[in-house]
């Protein structure tokens, strides 16, 4: 049972990791949409980060969001630089001077081999950064999980339904589509993790009962031996 509890702990952590990836992507989608819609109407290029609407989900986890956004943006910049370098390497190889003599062919073959080696190294580095980006998103999920659940399910009512509203034409108020997606994302994670927590709690109670029973049996055996 203790082994099962350890496995449940791992499953809960994995679920929070998944939650972090989903939530980050939803917030980025929301940010991109807001920046694109607002700025495009003004003919201005949308900035990398769009300030959170007061009372929005992102606004309530702003500190965590700013940190993860900054960390991942830095990784994405490094990755993009590597992609550009890889493209340049491919272009240089394709535009190489055609070989005529045997010496030139040997030189070209050596250059091509070196170029392929460099491209392979760049591809490996790009893949490594991909893993780093995913891990950072996963950690984000662990960092904000408790706060996210508190926001969504405060006293049994959705904090988004009660506190996050957009002004529409004619004064109509309603929760935005992005906020609804975020709400579902958090609710699904809370449901899954909650199920695991209850399962673990059941096993812990069974362990307590077994330990108590075992202690009683041990005491009886010791008493009998002394007699």
C-alpha atoms as a PDB file:
ATOM      1  CA  UNK A   1       0.000   0.000   0.000  1.00  0.00           C
ATOM      2  CA  UNK A   2       2.894   2.327   0.710  1.00  0.00           C
ATOM      3  CA  UNK A   3       4.212   1.503  -2.755  1.00  0.00           C
ATOM      4  CA  UNK A   4       0.806   2.333  -4.227  1.00  0.00           C
ATOM      5  CA  UNK A   5       0.840   5.681  -2.399  1.00  0.00           C
ATOM      6  CA  UNK A   6       4.234   6.456  -3.936  1.00  0.00           C
ATOM      7  CA  UNK A   7       2.878   5.620  -7.392  1.00  0.00           C
ATOM      8  CA  UNK A   8      -0.149   7.858  -6.804  1.00  0.00           C
ATOM      9  CA  UNK A   9       2.188  10.718  -5.812  1.00  0.00           C
ATOM     10  CA  UNK A  10       4.012  10.284  -9.113  1.00  0.00           C
ATOM     11  CA  UNK A  11       0.732  10.205 -11.042  1.00  0.00           C
ATOM     12  CA  UNK A  12      -0.431  13.406  -9.336  1.00  0.00           C
ATOM     13  CA  UNK A  13       2.837  15.125 -10.211  1.00  0.00           C
ATOM     14  CA  UNK A  14       2.566  13.941 -13.820  1.00  0.00           C
ATOM     15  CA  UNK A  15      -1.005  15.285 -13.998  1.00  0.00           C
ATOM     16  CA  UNK A  16       0.160  18.669 -12.702  1.00  0.00           C
ATOM     17  CA  UNK A  17       2.939  18.600 -15.302  1.00  0.00           C
ATOM     18  CA  UNK A  18       0.341  18.022 -18.023  1.00  0.00           C
ATOM     19  CA  UNK A  19      -1.784  20.790 -16.541  1.00  0.00           C
ATOM     20  CA  UNK A  20       1.175  23.192 -16.733  1.00  0.00           C
ATOM     21  CA  UNK A  21       1.694  22.548 -20.447  1.00  0.00           C
ATOM     22  CA  UNK A  22      -2.031  22.927 -21.199  1.00  0.00           C
ATOM     23  CA  UNK A  23      -2.448  26.065 -19.100  1.00  0.00           C
ATOM     24  CA  UNK A  24       0.652  27.771 -20.491  1.00  0.00           C
ATOM     25  CA  UNK A  25      -0.439  27.143 -24.080  1.00  0.00           C
ATOM     26  CA  UNK A  26      -3.950  28.459 -23.326  1.00  0.00           C
ATOM     27  CA  UNK A  27      -2.574  31.624 -21.730  1.00  0.00           C
ATOM     28  CA  UNK A  28      -0.238  32.196 -24.659  1.00  0.00           C
ATOM     29  CA  UNK A  29      -3.142  31.680 -27.050  1.00  0.00           C
ATOM     30  CA  UNK A  30      -5.191  34.184 -25.059  1.00  0.00           C
ATOM     31  CA  UNK A  31      -2.312  36.655 -25.014  1.00  0.00           C
ATOM     32  CA  UNK A  32      -1.656  36.335 -28.748  1.00  0.00           C
ATOM     33  CA  UNK A  33      -5.350  36.684 -29.584  1.00  0.00           C
ATOM     34  CA  UNK A  34      -5.774  39.745 -27.386  1.00  0.00           C
ATOM     35  CA  UNK A  35      -2.653  41.394 -28.746  1.00  0.00           C
ATOM     36  CA  UNK A  36      -3.513  40.596 -32.346  1.00  0.00           C
ATOM     37  CA  UNK A  37      -7.136  41.724 -32.150  1.00  0.00           C
ATOM     38  CA  UNK A  38      -6.504  44.986 -30.321  1.00  0.00           C
ATOM     39  CA  UNK A  39      -3.331  46.053 -32.055  1.00  0.00           C
ATOM     40  CA  UNK A  40      -4.335  45.039 -35.575  1.00  0.00           C
ATOM     41  CA  UNK A  41      -7.269  47.439 -35.508  1.00  0.00           C
ATOM     42  CA  UNK A  42      -4.812  50.232 -34.745  1.00  0.00           C
ATOM     43  CA  UNK A  43      -2.300  49.110 -37.324  1.00  0.00           C
ATOM     44  CA  UNK A  44       0.294  48.379 -34.624  1.00  0.00           C
ATOM     45  CA  UNK A  45       2.351  45.210 -34.277  1.00  0.00           C
ATOM     46  CA  UNK A  46       1.300  43.260 -31.178  1.00  0.00           C
ATOM     47  CA  UNK A  47       3.903  43.154 -28.393  1.00  0.00           C
ATOM     48  CA  UNK A  48       5.387  39.901 -27.103  1.00  0.00           C
ATOM     49  CA  UNK A  49       3.488  40.188 -23.839  1.00  0.00           C
ATOM     50  CA  UNK A  50       0.028  41.649 -23.407  1.00  0.00           C
ATOM     51  CA  UNK A  51      -0.867  43.028 -19.960  1.00  0.00           C
ATOM     52  CA  UNK A  52      -3.433  40.922 -18.150  1.00  0.00           C
ATOM     53  CA  UNK A  53      -6.955  42.251 -17.726  1.00  0.00           C
ATOM     54  CA  UNK A  54      -7.602  43.143 -14.069  1.00  0.00           C
ATOM     55  CA  UNK A  55      -9.502  40.268 -12.450  1.00  0.00           C
ATOM     56  CA  UNK A  56      -8.649  37.814 -15.241  1.00  0.00           C
ATOM     57  CA  UNK A  57      -7.152  34.425 -14.453  1.00  0.00           C
ATOM     58  CA  UNK A  58      -3.778  35.507 -15.812  1.00  0.00           C
ATOM     59  CA  UNK A  59      -3.972  38.669 -13.753  1.00  0.00           C
ATOM     60  CA  UNK A  60      -4.382  36.591 -10.600  1.00  0.00           C
ATOM     61  CA  UNK A  61      -1.249  34.549 -11.268  1.00  0.00           C
ATOM     62  CA  UNK A  62       0.678  37.431 -12.848  1.00  0.00           C
ATOM     63  CA  UNK A  63       3.910  36.885 -10.899  1.00  0.00           C
ATOM     64  CA  UNK A  64       4.190  33.218 -11.916  1.00  0.00           C
ATOM     65  CA  UNK A  65       3.126  34.019 -15.469  1.00  0.00           C
ATOM     66  CA  UNK A  66       5.699  36.783 -15.932  1.00  0.00           C
ATOM     67  CA  UNK A  67       8.472  34.460 -14.738  1.00  0.00           C
ATOM     68  CA  UNK A  68       7.573  31.462 -16.886  1.00  0.00           C
ATOM     69  CA  UNK A  69       6.915  33.719 -19.906  1.00  0.00           C
ATOM     70  CA  UNK A  70      10.350  35.306 -19.521  1.00  0.00           C
ATOM     71  CA  UNK A  71      12.125  31.954 -19.099  1.00  0.00           C
ATOM     72  CA  UNK A  72      10.459  30.339 -22.091  1.00  0.00           C
ATOM     73  CA  UNK A  73      10.880  33.425 -24.281  1.00  0.00           C
ATOM     74  CA  UNK A  74      14.622  33.272 -23.620  1.00  0.00           C
ATOM     75  CA  UNK A  75      14.710  29.591 -24.595  1.00  0.00           C
ATOM     76  CA  UNK A  76      12.660  30.305 -27.720  1.00  0.00           C
ATOM     77  CA  UNK A  77      15.066  33.080 -28.758  1.00  0.00           C
ATOM     78  CA  UNK A  78      18.032  30.709 -28.449  1.00  0.00           C
ATOM     79  CA  UNK A  79      16.157  28.060 -30.390  1.00  0.00           C
ATOM     80  CA  UNK A  80      15.228  30.466 -33.172  1.00  0.00           C
ATOM     81  CA  UNK A  81      18.862  31.592 -33.505  1.00  0.00           C
ATOM     82  CA  UNK A  82      19.879  27.942 -33.911  1.00  0.00           C
ATOM     83  CA  UNK A  83      17.202  27.369 -36.540  1.00  0.00           C
ATOM     84  CA  UNK A  84      18.444  30.389 -38.496  1.00  0.00           C
ATOM     85  CA  UNK A  85      22.032  29.146 -38.244  1.00  0.00           C
ATOM     86  CA  UNK A  86      20.940  25.700 -39.465  1.00  0.00           C
ATOM     87  CA  UNK A  87      19.128  27.252 -42.445  1.00  0.00           C
ATOM     88  CA  UNK A  88      22.199  29.303 -43.341  1.00  0.00           C
ATOM     89  CA  UNK A  89      24.334  26.174 -43.157  1.00  0.00           C
ATOM     90  CA  UNK A  90      21.984  24.369 -45.538  1.00  0.00           C
ATOM     91  CA  UNK A  91      22.051  27.286 -47.986  1.00  0.00           C
ATOM     92  CA  UNK A  92      25.857  27.508 -47.908  1.00  0.00           C
ATOM     93  CA  UNK A  93      26.163  23.804 -48.657  1.00  0.00           C
ATOM     94  CA  UNK A  94      23.657  23.885 -51.517  1.00  0.00           C
ATOM     95  CA  UNK A  95      25.314  26.921 -53.077  1.00  0.00           C
ATOM     96  CA  UNK A  96      28.792  25.421 -52.987  1.00  0.00           C
ATOM     97  CA  UNK A  97      31.044  25.774 -56.042  1.00  0.00           C
ATOM     98  CA  UNK A  98      30.616  22.727 -58.348  1.00  0.00           C
ATOM     99  CA  UNK A  99      33.620  20.422 -58.185  1.00  0.00           C
ATOM    100  CA  UNK A 100      35.522  19.718 -61.404  1.00  0.00           C
ATOM    101  CA  UNK A 101      38.860  18.206 -60.435  1.00  0.00           C
ATOM    102  CA  UNK A 102      39.352  15.242 -58.129  1.00  0.00           C
ATOM    103  CA  UNK A 103      40.949  17.555 -55.567  1.00  0.00           C
ATOM    104  CA  UNK A 104      37.917  19.848 -55.590  1.00  0.00           C
ATOM    105  CA  UNK A 105      35.569  16.868 -55.223  1.00  0.00           C
ATOM    106  CA  UNK A 106      37.493  15.644 -52.188  1.00  0.00           C
ATOM    107  CA  UNK A 107      37.448  19.136 -50.689  1.00  0.00           C
ATOM    108  CA  UNK A 108      33.705  19.470 -51.318  1.00  0.00           C
ATOM    109  CA  UNK A 109      33.041  16.057 -49.782  1.00  0.00           C
ATOM    110  CA  UNK A 110      34.969  17.056 -46.686  1.00  0.00           C
ATOM    111  CA  UNK A 111      33.115  20.347 -46.464  1.00  0.00           C
ATOM    112  CA  UNK A 112      29.760  18.639 -46.899  1.00  0.00           C
ATOM    113  CA  UNK A 113      30.607  16.155 -44.155  1.00  0.00           C
ATOM    114  CA  UNK A 114      31.593  18.965 -41.819  1.00  0.00           C
ATOM    115  CA  UNK A 115      28.429  20.884 -42.703  1.00  0.00           C
ATOM    116  CA  UNK A 116      26.209  17.855 -42.034  1.00  0.00           C
ATOM    117  CA  UNK A 117      27.937  17.366 -38.710  1.00  0.00           C
ATOM    118  CA  UNK A 118      27.223  20.957 -37.740  1.00  0.00           C
ATOM    119  CA  UNK A 119      23.570  20.647 -38.792  1.00  0.00           C
ATOM    120  CA  UNK A 120      23.206  17.440 -36.773  1.00  0.00           C
ATOM    121  CA  UNK A 121      24.618  19.181 -33.720  1.00  0.00           C
ATOM    122  CA  UNK A 122      22.243  22.124 -34.177  1.00  0.00           C
ATOM    123  CA  UNK A 123      19.272  19.774 -34.535  1.00  0.00           C
ATOM    124  CA  UNK A 124      20.241  18.048 -31.293  1.00  0.00           C
ATOM    125  CA  UNK A 125      20.521  21.403 -29.518  1.00  0.00           C
ATOM    126  CA  UNK A 126      17.124  22.499 -30.863  1.00  0.00           C
ATOM    127  CA  UNK A 127      15.552  19.260 -29.600  1.00  0.00           C
ATOM    128  CA  UNK A 128      17.220  19.749 -26.223  1.00  0.00           C
ATOM    129  CA  UNK A 129      15.706  23.224 -25.923  1.00  0.00           C
ATOM    130  CA  UNK A 130      12.300  21.759 -26.850  1.00  0.00           C
ATOM    131  CA  UNK A 131      12.608  19.468 -23.835  1.00  0.00           C
ATOM    132  CA  UNK A 132      13.705  22.397 -21.696  1.00  0.00           C
ATOM    133  CA  UNK A 133      10.652  24.405 -22.759  1.00  0.00           C
ATOM    134  CA  UNK A 134       8.352  21.499 -21.933  1.00  0.00           C
ATOM    135  CA  UNK A 135       9.943  21.016 -18.516  1.00  0.00           C
ATOM    136  CA  UNK A 136       9.533  24.713 -17.731  1.00  0.00           C
ATOM    137  CA  UNK A 137       5.851  24.539 -18.648  1.00  0.00           C
ATOM    138  CA  UNK A 138       5.464  21.447 -16.462  1.00  0.00           C
ATOM    139  CA  UNK A 139       7.067  23.195 -13.489  1.00  0.00           C
ATOM    140  CA  UNK A 140       4.704  26.105 -14.073  1.00  0.00           C
ATOM    141  CA  UNK A 141       1.812  23.691 -13.548  1.00  0.00           C
ATOM    142  CA  UNK A 142       3.206  22.546 -10.196  1.00  0.00           C
ATOM    143  CA  UNK A 143       3.868  26.147  -9.131  1.00  0.00           C
ATOM    144  CA  UNK A 144       0.380  27.492  -9.845  1.00  0.00           C
ATOM    145  CA  UNK A 145      -1.830  24.428  -9.318  1.00  0.00           C
ATOM    146  CA  UNK A 146      -3.065  25.273  -5.811  1.00  0.00           C
ATOM    147  CA  UNK A 147      -3.618  28.929  -6.671  1.00  0.00           C
ATOM    148  CA  UNK A 148      -5.423  28.005  -9.888  1.00  0.00           C
ATOM    149  CA  UNK A 149      -7.806  25.650  -8.100  1.00  0.00           C
ATOM    150  CA  UNK A 150      -8.456  28.305  -5.451  1.00  0.00           C
ATOM    151  CA  UNK A 151      -9.358  30.841  -8.136  1.00  0.00           C
ATOM    152  CA  UNK A 152     -11.647  28.518 -10.075  1.00  0.00           C
ATOM    153  CA  UNK A 153     -13.370  26.825  -7.170  1.00  0.00           C
ATOM    154  CA  UNK A 154     -13.572  29.444  -4.454  1.00  0.00           C
ATOM    155  CA  UNK A 155     -16.351  28.440  -2.043  1.00  0.00           C
ATOM    156  CA  UNK A 156     -17.836  26.224  -4.724  1.00  0.00           C
ATOM    157  CA  UNK A 157     -18.222  29.088  -7.197  1.00  0.00           C
ATOM    158  CA  UNK A 158     -16.029  29.814 -10.166  1.00  0.00           C
ATOM    159  CA  UNK A 159     -13.852  32.837  -9.580  1.00  0.00           C
ATOM    160  CA  UNK A 160     -13.876  33.425 -13.309  1.00  0.00           C
ATOM    161  CA  UNK A 161     -17.648  33.401 -13.568  1.00  0.00           C
ATOM    162  CA  UNK A 162     -17.962  35.895 -10.749  1.00  0.00           C
ATOM    163  CA  UNK A 163     -14.936  38.068 -11.378  1.00  0.00           C
ATOM    164  CA  UNK A 164     -13.851  37.888 -15.009  1.00  0.00           C
ATOM    165  CA  UNK A 165     -16.184  39.594 -17.423  1.00  0.00           C
ATOM    166  CA  UNK A 166     -15.798  41.482 -20.656  1.00  0.00           C
ATOM    167  CA  UNK A 167     -17.852  44.451 -21.730  1.00  0.00           C
ATOM    168  CA  UNK A 168     -19.680  43.695 -24.970  1.00  0.00           C
ATOM    169  CA  UNK A 169     -21.774  45.893 -27.235  1.00  0.00           C
ATOM    170  CA  UNK A 170     -24.960  47.165 -25.657  1.00  0.00           C
ATOM    171  CA  UNK A 171     -23.537  46.715 -22.159  1.00  0.00           C
ATOM    172  CA  UNK A 172     -23.831  42.897 -22.283  1.00  0.00           C
ATOM    173  CA  UNK A 173     -21.355  41.142 -19.953  1.00  0.00           C
ATOM    174  CA  UNK A 174     -20.072  37.628 -20.382  1.00  0.00           C
ATOM    175  CA  UNK A 175     -17.062  35.428 -19.680  1.00  0.00           C
ATOM    176  CA  UNK A 176     -14.683  35.297 -22.625  1.00  0.00           C
ATOM    177  CA  UNK A 177     -14.159  32.103 -24.607  1.00  0.00           C
ATOM    178  CA  UNK A 178     -10.515  31.934 -23.540  1.00  0.00           C
ATOM    179  CA  UNK A 179     -11.428  32.234 -19.868  1.00  0.00           C
ATOM    180  CA  UNK A 180     -13.922  29.393 -20.313  1.00  0.00           C
ATOM    181  CA  UNK A 181     -11.179  27.198 -21.795  1.00  0.00           C
ATOM    182  CA  UNK A 182      -8.881  28.055 -18.889  1.00  0.00           C
ATOM    183  CA  UNK A 183     -11.667  27.279 -16.437  1.00  0.00           C
ATOM    184  CA  UNK A 184     -12.245  23.843 -17.986  1.00  0.00           C
ATOM    185  CA  UNK A 185      -8.512  23.156 -18.005  1.00  0.00           C
ATOM    186  CA  UNK A 186      -8.229  23.872 -14.269  1.00  0.00           C
ATOM    187  CA  UNK A 187     -11.432  22.022 -13.400  1.00  0.00           C
ATOM    188  CA  UNK A 188     -10.303  18.899 -15.276  1.00  0.00           C
ATOM    189  CA  UNK A 189      -6.923  18.919 -13.543  1.00  0.00           C
ATOM    190  CA  UNK A 190      -8.550  19.470 -10.146  1.00  0.00           C
ATOM    191  CA  UNK A 191     -10.962  16.592 -10.784  1.00  0.00           C
ATOM    192  CA  UNK A 192      -8.172  14.192 -11.776  1.00  0.00           C
ATOM    193  CA  UNK A 193      -5.812  15.174  -8.975  1.00  0.00           C
ATOM    194  CA  UNK A 194      -8.693  15.135  -6.475  1.00  0.00           C
ATOM    195  CA  UNK A 195      -9.563  11.557  -7.459  1.00  0.00           C
ATOM    196  CA  UNK A 196      -5.941  10.532  -6.922  1.00  0.00           C
ATOM    197  CA  UNK A 197      -5.792  12.316  -3.578  1.00  0.00           C
ATOM    198  CA  UNK A 198      -8.893  10.496  -2.364  1.00  0.00           C
ATOM    199  CA  UNK A 199      -7.454   7.188  -3.519  1.00  0.00           C
ATOM    200  CA  UNK A 200      -4.239   7.880  -1.631  1.00  0.00           C
ATOM    201  CA  UNK A 201      -6.159   8.949   1.471  1.00  0.00           C
ATOM    202  CA  UNK A 202      -8.070   5.649   1.434  1.00  0.00           C
ATOM    203  CA  UNK A 203      -4.813   3.689   1.324  1.00  0.00           C
ATOM    204  CA  UNK A 204      -3.296   5.782   4.103  1.00  0.00           C
ATOM    205  CA  UNK A 205      -6.287   5.013   6.315  1.00  0.00           C
ATOM    206  CA  UNK A 206      -5.912   1.317   5.533  1.00  0.00           C
ATOM    207  CA  UNK A 207      -2.214   1.532   6.412  1.00  0.00           C
ATOM    208  CA  UNK A 208      -3.074   3.205   9.722  1.00  0.00           C
ATOM    209  CA  UNK A 209      -5.592   0.433  10.474  1.00  0.00           C
ATOM    210  CA  UNK A 210      -3.072  -2.287   9.649  1.00  0.00           C
ATOM    211  CA  UNK A 211      -0.389  -0.650  11.783  1.00  0.00           C
ATOM    212  CA  UNK A 212      -2.807  -0.390  14.665  1.00  0.00           C
ATOM    213  CA  UNK A 213      -3.853  -4.006  14.245  1.00  0.00           C
ATOM    214  CA  UNK A 214      -0.235  -5.108  13.905  1.00  0.00           C
ATOM    215  CA  UNK A 215       0.719  -3.253  17.084  1.00  0.00           C
ATOM    216  CA  UNK A 216      -2.028  -5.025  19.012  1.00  0.00           C
ATOM    217  CA  UNK A 217      -0.936  -8.426  17.713  1.00  0.00           C
ATOM    218  CA  UNK A 218       2.689  -7.744  18.541  1.00  0.00           C
ATOM    219  CA  UNK A 219       1.729  -6.716  22.074  1.00  0.00           C
ATOM    220  CA  UNK A 220      -0.265  -9.921  22.550  1.00  0.00           C
ATOM    221  CA  UNK A 221       2.581 -12.088  21.307  1.00  0.00           C
ATOM    222  CA  UNK A 222       5.063 -10.378  23.599  1.00  0.00           C
ATOM    223  CA  UNK A 223       2.701 -10.774  26.564  1.00  0.00           C
ATOM    224  CA  UNK A 224       2.231 -14.474  25.830  1.00  0.00           C
ATOM    225  CA  UNK A 225       5.973 -15.000  25.557  1.00  0.00           C
ATOM    226  CA  UNK A 226       6.581 -13.345  28.914  1.00  0.00           C
ATOM    227  CA  UNK A 227       3.899 -15.534  30.534  1.00  0.00           C
END
